[in-house]
């Protein structure tokens, strides 16, 4: 556990660094590239959920792993979820507090995802958005994957969104390829779809031509993330 603890400490420190160094408006939706990337993410996830008859999210109990300040939990409300049926966990107490102000009805906890604070089979849908890419220790990845499956109800699903390739400019993150996802969730049915035009390319192109950016997004090799739905066989 001490090794896991050191990895958790590294992750927490890295998020603190990002909070200090990344400008508040860097991910603002007033920027064409960010708005386009968000739309691509939403489309990819909703298509997977709809195909598996999980959409809309009415009546679903949902837990977001690495919920941050609640951005995706708020999105789930737009997709039909009841705010009182939402839960989330994050390492950062400051981010959880911001999420609580935005979603006071939700059950939001400061905790490690390797030890989720909920009983077995609590949720219909468990989600993670760019959490695993920030974890460099394979043992911690496996522990979190086990916990996500533990709190999932029979017939439930895990909604996955994360980098599928590494960022060569940032040694603190690592892409999660399809083979690794299948290893983490062995004995599960996994539906993966490449999504999201490479963000550096999107920021370069979308500001002056959104249509061209969408054309480039049609090339699978230029997509840097996976959206996925994971279910027990």
C-alpha atoms as a PDB file:
ATOM      1  CA  UNK A   1       0.000   0.000   0.000  1.00  0.00           C
ATOM      2  CA  UNK A   2       2.950   2.377   0.591  1.00  0.00           C
ATOM      3  CA  UNK A   3       3.828   2.158  -3.115  1.00  0.00           C
ATOM      4  CA  UNK A   4       0.237   2.934  -4.035  1.00  0.00           C
ATOM      5  CA  UNK A   5       0.335   5.786  -1.552  1.00  0.00           C
ATOM      6  CA  UNK A   6       3.393   7.326  -3.218  1.00  0.00           C
ATOM      7  CA  UNK A   7       1.664   7.118  -6.599  1.00  0.00           C
ATOM      8  CA  UNK A   8      -1.453   8.784  -5.187  1.00  0.00           C
ATOM      9  CA  UNK A   9       0.753  11.523  -3.780  1.00  0.00           C
ATOM     10  CA  UNK A  10       2.397  12.059  -7.156  1.00  0.00           C
ATOM     11  CA  UNK A  11      -1.001  12.306  -8.859  1.00  0.00           C
ATOM     12  CA  UNK A  12      -2.314  14.783  -6.273  1.00  0.00           C
ATOM     13  CA  UNK A  13       0.819  16.922  -6.659  1.00  0.00           C
ATOM     14  CA  UNK A  14       0.478  16.876 -10.444  1.00  0.00           C
ATOM     15  CA  UNK A  15      -3.127  18.075 -10.256  1.00  0.00           C
ATOM     16  CA  UNK A  16      -2.058  20.836  -7.873  1.00  0.00           C
ATOM     17  CA  UNK A  17       0.596  21.886 -10.390  1.00  0.00           C
ATOM     18  CA  UNK A  18      -1.955  21.977 -13.198  1.00  0.00           C
ATOM     19  CA  UNK A  19      -4.295  24.105 -11.081  1.00  0.00           C
ATOM     20  CA  UNK A  20      -1.464  26.586 -10.488  1.00  0.00           C
ATOM     21  CA  UNK A  21       0.008  26.712 -13.975  1.00  0.00           C
ATOM     22  CA  UNK A  22      -2.882  26.205 -16.399  1.00  0.00           C
ATOM     23  CA  UNK A  23      -4.790  29.417 -17.111  1.00  0.00           C
ATOM     24  CA  UNK A  24      -8.398  29.462 -15.917  1.00  0.00           C
ATOM     25  CA  UNK A  25      -9.705  30.023 -19.442  1.00  0.00           C
ATOM     26  CA  UNK A  26      -7.495  27.434 -21.164  1.00  0.00           C
ATOM     27  CA  UNK A  27     -10.404  24.980 -21.451  1.00  0.00           C
ATOM     28  CA  UNK A  28     -13.106  27.626 -21.834  1.00  0.00           C
ATOM     29  CA  UNK A  29     -15.924  26.795 -24.210  1.00  0.00           C
ATOM     30  CA  UNK A  30     -15.669  30.244 -25.768  1.00  0.00           C
ATOM     31  CA  UNK A  31     -12.676  28.858 -27.644  1.00  0.00           C
ATOM     32  CA  UNK A  32     -13.762  27.072 -30.855  1.00  0.00           C
ATOM     33  CA  UNK A  33     -11.427  24.095 -30.378  1.00  0.00           C
ATOM     34  CA  UNK A  34     -12.645  23.382 -26.838  1.00  0.00           C
ATOM     35  CA  UNK A  35     -16.286  23.629 -27.860  1.00  0.00           C
ATOM     36  CA  UNK A  36     -15.672  21.256 -30.760  1.00  0.00           C
ATOM     37  CA  UNK A  37     -13.737  18.763 -28.617  1.00  0.00           C
ATOM     38  CA  UNK A  38     -16.456  18.749 -25.981  1.00  0.00           C
ATOM     39  CA  UNK A  39     -19.072  18.096 -28.648  1.00  0.00           C
ATOM     40  CA  UNK A  40     -17.041  15.215 -30.072  1.00  0.00           C
ATOM     41  CA  UNK A  41     -16.689  13.692 -26.605  1.00  0.00           C
ATOM     42  CA  UNK A  42     -20.399  13.995 -25.878  1.00  0.00           C
ATOM     43  CA  UNK A  43     -21.382  12.508 -29.233  1.00  0.00           C
ATOM     44  CA  UNK A  44     -19.074   9.537 -28.792  1.00  0.00           C
ATOM     45  CA  UNK A  45     -20.302   8.760 -25.289  1.00  0.00           C
ATOM     46  CA  UNK A  46     -23.997   9.199 -26.016  1.00  0.00           C
ATOM     47  CA  UNK A  47     -23.784   6.954 -29.086  1.00  0.00           C
ATOM     48  CA  UNK A  48     -22.291   4.160 -26.974  1.00  0.00           C
ATOM     49  CA  UNK A  49     -24.879   4.581 -24.220  1.00  0.00           C
ATOM     50  CA  UNK A  50     -27.766   4.777 -26.673  1.00  0.00           C
ATOM     51  CA  UNK A  51     -26.629   1.686 -28.561  1.00  0.00           C
ATOM     52  CA  UNK A  52     -26.574  -0.252 -25.260  1.00  0.00           C
ATOM     53  CA  UNK A  53     -29.997   1.138 -24.221  1.00  0.00           C
ATOM     54  CA  UNK A  54     -28.485   3.166 -21.378  1.00  0.00           C
ATOM     55  CA  UNK A  55     -29.632   6.520 -22.728  1.00  0.00           C
ATOM     56  CA  UNK A  56     -31.267   8.690 -21.514  1.00  0.00           C
ATOM     57  CA  UNK A  57     -30.031   8.380 -17.930  1.00  0.00           C
ATOM     58  CA  UNK A  58     -33.422   8.591 -16.210  1.00  0.00           C
ATOM     59  CA  UNK A  59     -33.513   6.445 -13.077  1.00  0.00           C
ATOM     60  CA  UNK A  60     -29.813   5.515 -13.217  1.00  0.00           C
ATOM     61  CA  UNK A  61     -27.557   5.667 -10.172  1.00  0.00           C
ATOM     62  CA  UNK A  62     -24.224   7.000 -11.418  1.00  0.00           C
ATOM     63  CA  UNK A  63     -20.745   7.349  -9.905  1.00  0.00           C
ATOM     64  CA  UNK A  64     -18.064   9.461 -11.588  1.00  0.00           C
ATOM     65  CA  UNK A  65     -14.518   8.419 -10.658  1.00  0.00           C
ATOM     66  CA  UNK A  66     -12.252  11.462 -10.551  1.00  0.00           C
ATOM     67  CA  UNK A  67     -15.241  13.801 -10.603  1.00  0.00           C
ATOM     68  CA  UNK A  68     -13.191  16.983 -10.191  1.00  0.00           C
ATOM     69  CA  UNK A  69     -15.440  20.014  -9.877  1.00  0.00           C
ATOM     70  CA  UNK A  70     -18.460  18.139 -11.233  1.00  0.00           C
ATOM     71  CA  UNK A  71     -18.278  19.036 -14.922  1.00  0.00           C
ATOM     72  CA  UNK A  72     -19.341  15.601 -16.168  1.00  0.00           C
ATOM     73  CA  UNK A  73     -21.876  15.087 -13.400  1.00  0.00           C
ATOM     74  CA  UNK A  74     -23.567  18.286 -14.556  1.00  0.00           C
ATOM     75  CA  UNK A  75     -23.483  16.936 -18.104  1.00  0.00           C
ATOM     76  CA  UNK A  76     -25.208  13.760 -16.926  1.00  0.00           C
ATOM     77  CA  UNK A  77     -28.076  15.890 -15.591  1.00  0.00           C
ATOM     78  CA  UNK A  78     -28.454  17.214 -19.142  1.00  0.00           C
ATOM     79  CA  UNK A  79     -28.592  13.587 -20.279  1.00  0.00           C
ATOM     80  CA  UNK A  80     -31.533  12.872 -17.973  1.00  0.00           C
ATOM     81  CA  UNK A  81     -29.934  11.913 -14.648  1.00  0.00           C
ATOM     82  CA  UNK A  82     -31.489  12.955 -11.333  1.00  0.00           C
ATOM     83  CA  UNK A  83     -28.917  15.050  -9.377  1.00  0.00           C
ATOM     84  CA  UNK A  84     -29.838  13.139  -6.211  1.00  0.00           C
ATOM     85  CA  UNK A  85     -28.806   9.885  -7.935  1.00  0.00           C
ATOM     86  CA  UNK A  86     -25.297  11.146  -8.721  1.00  0.00           C
ATOM     87  CA  UNK A  87     -22.123  10.323  -6.791  1.00  0.00           C
ATOM     88  CA  UNK A  88     -18.481  11.187  -7.292  1.00  0.00           C
ATOM     89  CA  UNK A  89     -15.044  10.781  -5.804  1.00  0.00           C
ATOM     90  CA  UNK A  90     -11.854  12.770  -6.254  1.00  0.00           C
ATOM     91  CA  UNK A  91      -8.431  13.062  -4.601  1.00  0.00           C
ATOM     92  CA  UNK A  92      -8.692  16.862  -4.408  1.00  0.00           C
ATOM     93  CA  UNK A  93     -10.771  18.186  -1.504  1.00  0.00           C
ATOM     94  CA  UNK A  94     -10.823  21.616  -3.143  1.00  0.00           C
ATOM     95  CA  UNK A  95     -12.294  20.246  -6.360  1.00  0.00           C
ATOM     96  CA  UNK A  96     -14.871  18.192  -4.467  1.00  0.00           C
ATOM     97  CA  UNK A  97     -15.936  21.294  -2.550  1.00  0.00           C
ATOM     98  CA  UNK A  98     -16.474  23.162  -5.814  1.00  0.00           C
ATOM     99  CA  UNK A  99     -18.521  20.229  -7.116  1.00  0.00           C
ATOM    100  CA  UNK A 100     -20.669  20.251  -3.963  1.00  0.00           C
ATOM    101  CA  UNK A 101     -21.503  23.912  -4.492  1.00  0.00           C
ATOM    102  CA  UNK A 102     -22.633  23.110  -8.032  1.00  0.00           C
ATOM    103  CA  UNK A 103     -24.480  19.868  -7.154  1.00  0.00           C
ATOM    104  CA  UNK A 104     -25.570  20.006  -3.511  1.00  0.00           C
ATOM    105  CA  UNK A 105     -27.902  17.014  -3.962  1.00  0.00           C
ATOM    106  CA  UNK A 106     -25.108  14.660  -5.092  1.00  0.00           C
ATOM    107  CA  UNK A 107     -23.051  12.319  -2.887  1.00  0.00           C
ATOM    108  CA  UNK A 108     -19.509  13.632  -3.394  1.00  0.00           C
ATOM    109  CA  UNK A 109     -16.492  12.332  -1.452  1.00  0.00           C
ATOM    110  CA  UNK A 110     -12.779  13.092  -1.158  1.00  0.00           C
ATOM    111  CA  UNK A 111     -11.154   9.687  -1.468  1.00  0.00           C
ATOM    112  CA  UNK A 112      -8.894   7.481  -3.542  1.00  0.00           C
ATOM    113  CA  UNK A 113     -10.616   5.567  -6.315  1.00  0.00           C
ATOM    114  CA  UNK A 114      -8.655   2.510  -5.198  1.00  0.00           C
ATOM    115  CA  UNK A 115     -10.903   2.356  -2.111  1.00  0.00           C
ATOM    116  CA  UNK A 116     -14.324   3.584  -3.162  1.00  0.00           C
ATOM    117  CA  UNK A 117     -16.554   4.580  -0.230  1.00  0.00           C
ATOM    118  CA  UNK A 118     -19.692   2.765  -1.410  1.00  0.00           C
ATOM    119  CA  UNK A 119     -21.085  -0.747  -0.943  1.00  0.00           C
ATOM    120  CA  UNK A 120     -20.946  -3.478  -3.556  1.00  0.00           C
ATOM    121  CA  UNK A 121     -23.342  -3.182  -6.506  1.00  0.00           C
ATOM    122  CA  UNK A 122     -24.357   0.423  -5.773  1.00  0.00           C
ATOM    123  CA  UNK A 123     -24.490   1.887  -9.294  1.00  0.00           C
ATOM    124  CA  UNK A 124     -25.989   1.322 -12.724  1.00  0.00           C
ATOM    125  CA  UNK A 125     -23.277   3.372 -14.425  1.00  0.00           C
ATOM    126  CA  UNK A 126     -19.699   4.060 -13.320  1.00  0.00           C
ATOM    127  CA  UNK A 127     -17.748   6.606 -15.354  1.00  0.00           C
ATOM    128  CA  UNK A 128     -14.190   7.829 -15.707  1.00  0.00           C
ATOM    129  CA  UNK A 129     -12.942  10.690 -17.838  1.00  0.00           C
ATOM    130  CA  UNK A 130      -9.134  10.929 -18.275  1.00  0.00           C
ATOM    131  CA  UNK A 131      -8.351   9.385 -14.880  1.00  0.00           C
ATOM    132  CA  UNK A 132      -6.365   6.315 -15.914  1.00  0.00           C
ATOM    133  CA  UNK A 133      -4.079   8.312 -18.195  1.00  0.00           C
ATOM    134  CA  UNK A 134      -2.778  10.165 -15.115  1.00  0.00           C
ATOM    135  CA  UNK A 135      -1.838   6.898 -13.345  1.00  0.00           C
ATOM    136  CA  UNK A 136       1.624   5.535 -14.087  1.00  0.00           C
ATOM    137  CA  UNK A 137       1.568   2.625 -11.617  1.00  0.00           C
ATOM    138  CA  UNK A 138      -0.056  -0.513 -13.116  1.00  0.00           C
ATOM    139  CA  UNK A 139      -0.993  -1.835  -9.656  1.00  0.00           C
ATOM    140  CA  UNK A 140      -3.026   1.286  -8.895  1.00  0.00           C
ATOM    141  CA  UNK A 141      -4.780   1.027 -12.261  1.00  0.00           C
ATOM    142  CA  UNK A 142      -5.756  -2.565 -11.478  1.00  0.00           C
ATOM    143  CA  UNK A 143      -6.992  -1.621  -7.998  1.00  0.00           C
ATOM    144  CA  UNK A 144      -9.222   1.137  -9.385  1.00  0.00           C
ATOM    145  CA  UNK A 145     -10.588  -1.108 -12.129  1.00  0.00           C
ATOM    146  CA  UNK A 146     -11.496  -3.736  -9.502  1.00  0.00           C
ATOM    147  CA  UNK A 147     -13.257  -1.119  -7.398  1.00  0.00           C
ATOM    148  CA  UNK A 148     -15.231   0.184 -10.373  1.00  0.00           C
ATOM    149  CA  UNK A 149     -16.454  -3.346 -11.070  1.00  0.00           C
ATOM    150  CA  UNK A 150     -17.169  -3.983  -7.377  1.00  0.00           C
ATOM    151  CA  UNK A 151     -19.616  -1.077  -7.061  1.00  0.00           C
ATOM    152  CA  UNK A 152     -21.295  -1.857 -10.411  1.00  0.00           C
ATOM    153  CA  UNK A 153     -24.711  -3.508 -10.312  1.00  0.00           C
ATOM    154  CA  UNK A 154     -25.481  -6.599 -12.411  1.00  0.00           C
ATOM    155  CA  UNK A 155     -26.420  -5.395 -15.865  1.00  0.00           C
ATOM    156  CA  UNK A 156     -24.619  -2.094 -15.302  1.00  0.00           C
ATOM    157  CA  UNK A 157     -21.867  -0.522 -17.380  1.00  0.00           C
ATOM    158  CA  UNK A 158     -18.660   1.457 -17.126  1.00  0.00           C
ATOM    159  CA  UNK A 159     -18.404   4.491 -19.395  1.00  0.00           C
ATOM    160  CA  UNK A 160     -14.750   5.059 -20.334  1.00  0.00           C
ATOM    161  CA  UNK A 161     -13.141   8.131 -21.861  1.00  0.00           C
ATOM    162  CA  UNK A 162      -9.369   8.500 -21.943  1.00  0.00           C
ATOM    163  CA  UNK A 163      -6.260   8.996 -24.040  1.00  0.00           C
ATOM    164  CA  UNK A 164      -5.328   6.028 -26.171  1.00  0.00           C
ATOM    165  CA  UNK A 165      -1.872   7.401 -26.974  1.00  0.00           C
ATOM    166  CA  UNK A 166       0.707   9.117 -24.798  1.00  0.00           C
ATOM    167  CA  UNK A 167       1.485  12.821 -24.836  1.00  0.00           C
ATOM    168  CA  UNK A 168       5.188  13.083 -25.749  1.00  0.00           C
ATOM    169  CA  UNK A 169       5.342  16.511 -24.089  1.00  0.00           C
ATOM    170  CA  UNK A 170       4.077  15.360 -20.687  1.00  0.00           C
ATOM    171  CA  UNK A 171       5.803  12.528 -18.845  1.00  0.00           C
ATOM    172  CA  UNK A 172       3.161  12.664 -16.086  1.00  0.00           C
ATOM    173  CA  UNK A 173       0.513  11.050 -18.286  1.00  0.00           C
ATOM    174  CA  UNK A 174       0.426   7.858 -20.304  1.00  0.00           C
ATOM    175  CA  UNK A 175      -2.065   6.726 -22.926  1.00  0.00           C
ATOM    176  CA  UNK A 176      -4.129   3.600 -22.273  1.00  0.00           C
ATOM    177  CA  UNK A 177      -4.269   1.409 -25.407  1.00  0.00           C
ATOM    178  CA  UNK A 178      -7.028  -1.063 -26.144  1.00  0.00           C
ATOM    179  CA  UNK A 179      -4.998  -4.083 -25.052  1.00  0.00           C
ATOM    180  CA  UNK A 180      -4.421  -2.554 -21.621  1.00  0.00           C
ATOM    181  CA  UNK A 181      -8.106  -1.714 -21.189  1.00  0.00           C
ATOM    182  CA  UNK A 182      -9.011  -5.312 -22.018  1.00  0.00           C
ATOM    183  CA  UNK A 183      -6.436  -6.526 -19.513  1.00  0.00           C
ATOM    184  CA  UNK A 184      -7.793  -4.258 -16.769  1.00  0.00           C
ATOM    185  CA  UNK A 185     -11.338  -5.458 -17.395  1.00  0.00           C
ATOM    186  CA  UNK A 186     -10.807  -9.086 -18.281  1.00  0.00           C
ATOM    187  CA  UNK A 187     -13.981 -11.160 -18.602  1.00  0.00           C
ATOM    188  CA  UNK A 188     -15.885  -8.057 -19.706  1.00  0.00           C
ATOM    189  CA  UNK A 189     -17.438  -7.074 -23.014  1.00  0.00           C
ATOM    190  CA  UNK A 190     -15.679  -3.914 -24.184  1.00  0.00           C
ATOM    191  CA  UNK A 191     -16.834  -1.621 -26.983  1.00  0.00           C
ATOM    192  CA  UNK A 192     -14.192   0.993 -27.862  1.00  0.00           C
ATOM    193  CA  UNK A 193     -14.465   3.818 -30.385  1.00  0.00           C
ATOM    194  CA  UNK A 194     -11.616   6.233 -31.246  1.00  0.00           C
ATOM    195  CA  UNK A 195     -12.811   9.804 -30.741  1.00  0.00           C
ATOM    196  CA  UNK A 196     -11.498  13.356 -30.446  1.00  0.00           C
ATOM    197  CA  UNK A 197      -9.289  15.094 -32.954  1.00  0.00           C
ATOM    198  CA  UNK A 198      -5.797  15.438 -31.432  1.00  0.00           C
ATOM    199  CA  UNK A 199      -6.167  18.524 -29.205  1.00  0.00           C
ATOM    200  CA  UNK A 200      -3.006  20.323 -30.420  1.00  0.00           C
ATOM    201  CA  UNK A 201      -4.211  19.914 -34.002  1.00  0.00           C
ATOM    202  CA  UNK A 202      -7.738  20.953 -33.053  1.00  0.00           C
ATOM    203  CA  UNK A 203      -6.455  24.141 -31.406  1.00  0.00           C
ATOM    204  CA  UNK A 204      -4.342  24.908 -34.464  1.00  0.00           C
ATOM    205  CA  UNK A 205      -7.156  24.448 -36.990  1.00  0.00           C
ATOM    206  CA  UNK A 206     -10.531  25.054 -35.322  1.00  0.00           C
ATOM    207  CA  UNK A 207      -9.977  28.742 -34.634  1.00  0.00           C
ATOM    208  CA  UNK A 208     -10.049  29.597 -38.312  1.00  0.00           C
ATOM    209  CA  UNK A 209     -11.957  26.660 -39.843  1.00  0.00           C
ATOM    210  CA  UNK A 210     -14.287  24.438 -37.823  1.00  0.00           C
ATOM    211  CA  UNK A 211     -15.430  22.571 -40.972  1.00  0.00           C
ATOM    212  CA  UNK A 212     -11.820  21.644 -41.750  1.00  0.00           C
ATOM    213  CA  UNK A 213     -11.308  20.482 -38.156  1.00  0.00           C
ATOM    214  CA  UNK A 214     -14.347  18.209 -38.442  1.00  0.00           C
ATOM    215  CA  UNK A 215     -13.038  16.819 -41.738  1.00  0.00           C
ATOM    216  CA  UNK A 216      -9.740  15.992 -40.046  1.00  0.00           C
ATOM    217  CA  UNK A 217     -11.646  14.332 -37.202  1.00  0.00           C
ATOM    218  CA  UNK A 218     -13.084  11.908 -39.736  1.00  0.00           C
ATOM    219  CA  UNK A 219      -9.593  10.365 -40.030  1.00  0.00           C
ATOM    220  CA  UNK A 220      -9.406   7.724 -37.243  1.00  0.00           C
ATOM    221  CA  UNK A 221      -5.602   7.939 -37.021  1.00  0.00           C
ATOM    222  CA  UNK A 222      -5.913  11.583 -35.931  1.00  0.00           C
ATOM    223  CA  UNK A 223      -8.145  10.730 -32.970  1.00  0.00           C
ATOM    224  CA  UNK A 224      -6.279  10.505 -29.679  1.00  0.00           C
ATOM    225  CA  UNK A 225      -8.882   9.129 -27.242  1.00  0.00           C
ATOM    226  CA  UNK A 226     -11.138   6.132 -26.724  1.00  0.00           C
ATOM    227  CA  UNK A 227     -14.748   6.313 -25.701  1.00  0.00           C
ATOM    228  CA  UNK A 228     -15.815   2.935 -24.419  1.00  0.00           C
ATOM    229  CA  UNK A 229     -18.566   0.959 -22.745  1.00  0.00           C
ATOM    230  CA  UNK A 230     -17.519  -1.914 -20.510  1.00  0.00           C
ATOM    231  CA  UNK A 231     -19.939  -4.589 -19.258  1.00  0.00           C
ATOM    232  CA  UNK A 232     -19.579  -7.950 -17.598  1.00  0.00           C
ATOM    233  CA  UNK A 233     -20.167 -10.862 -19.933  1.00  0.00           C
END
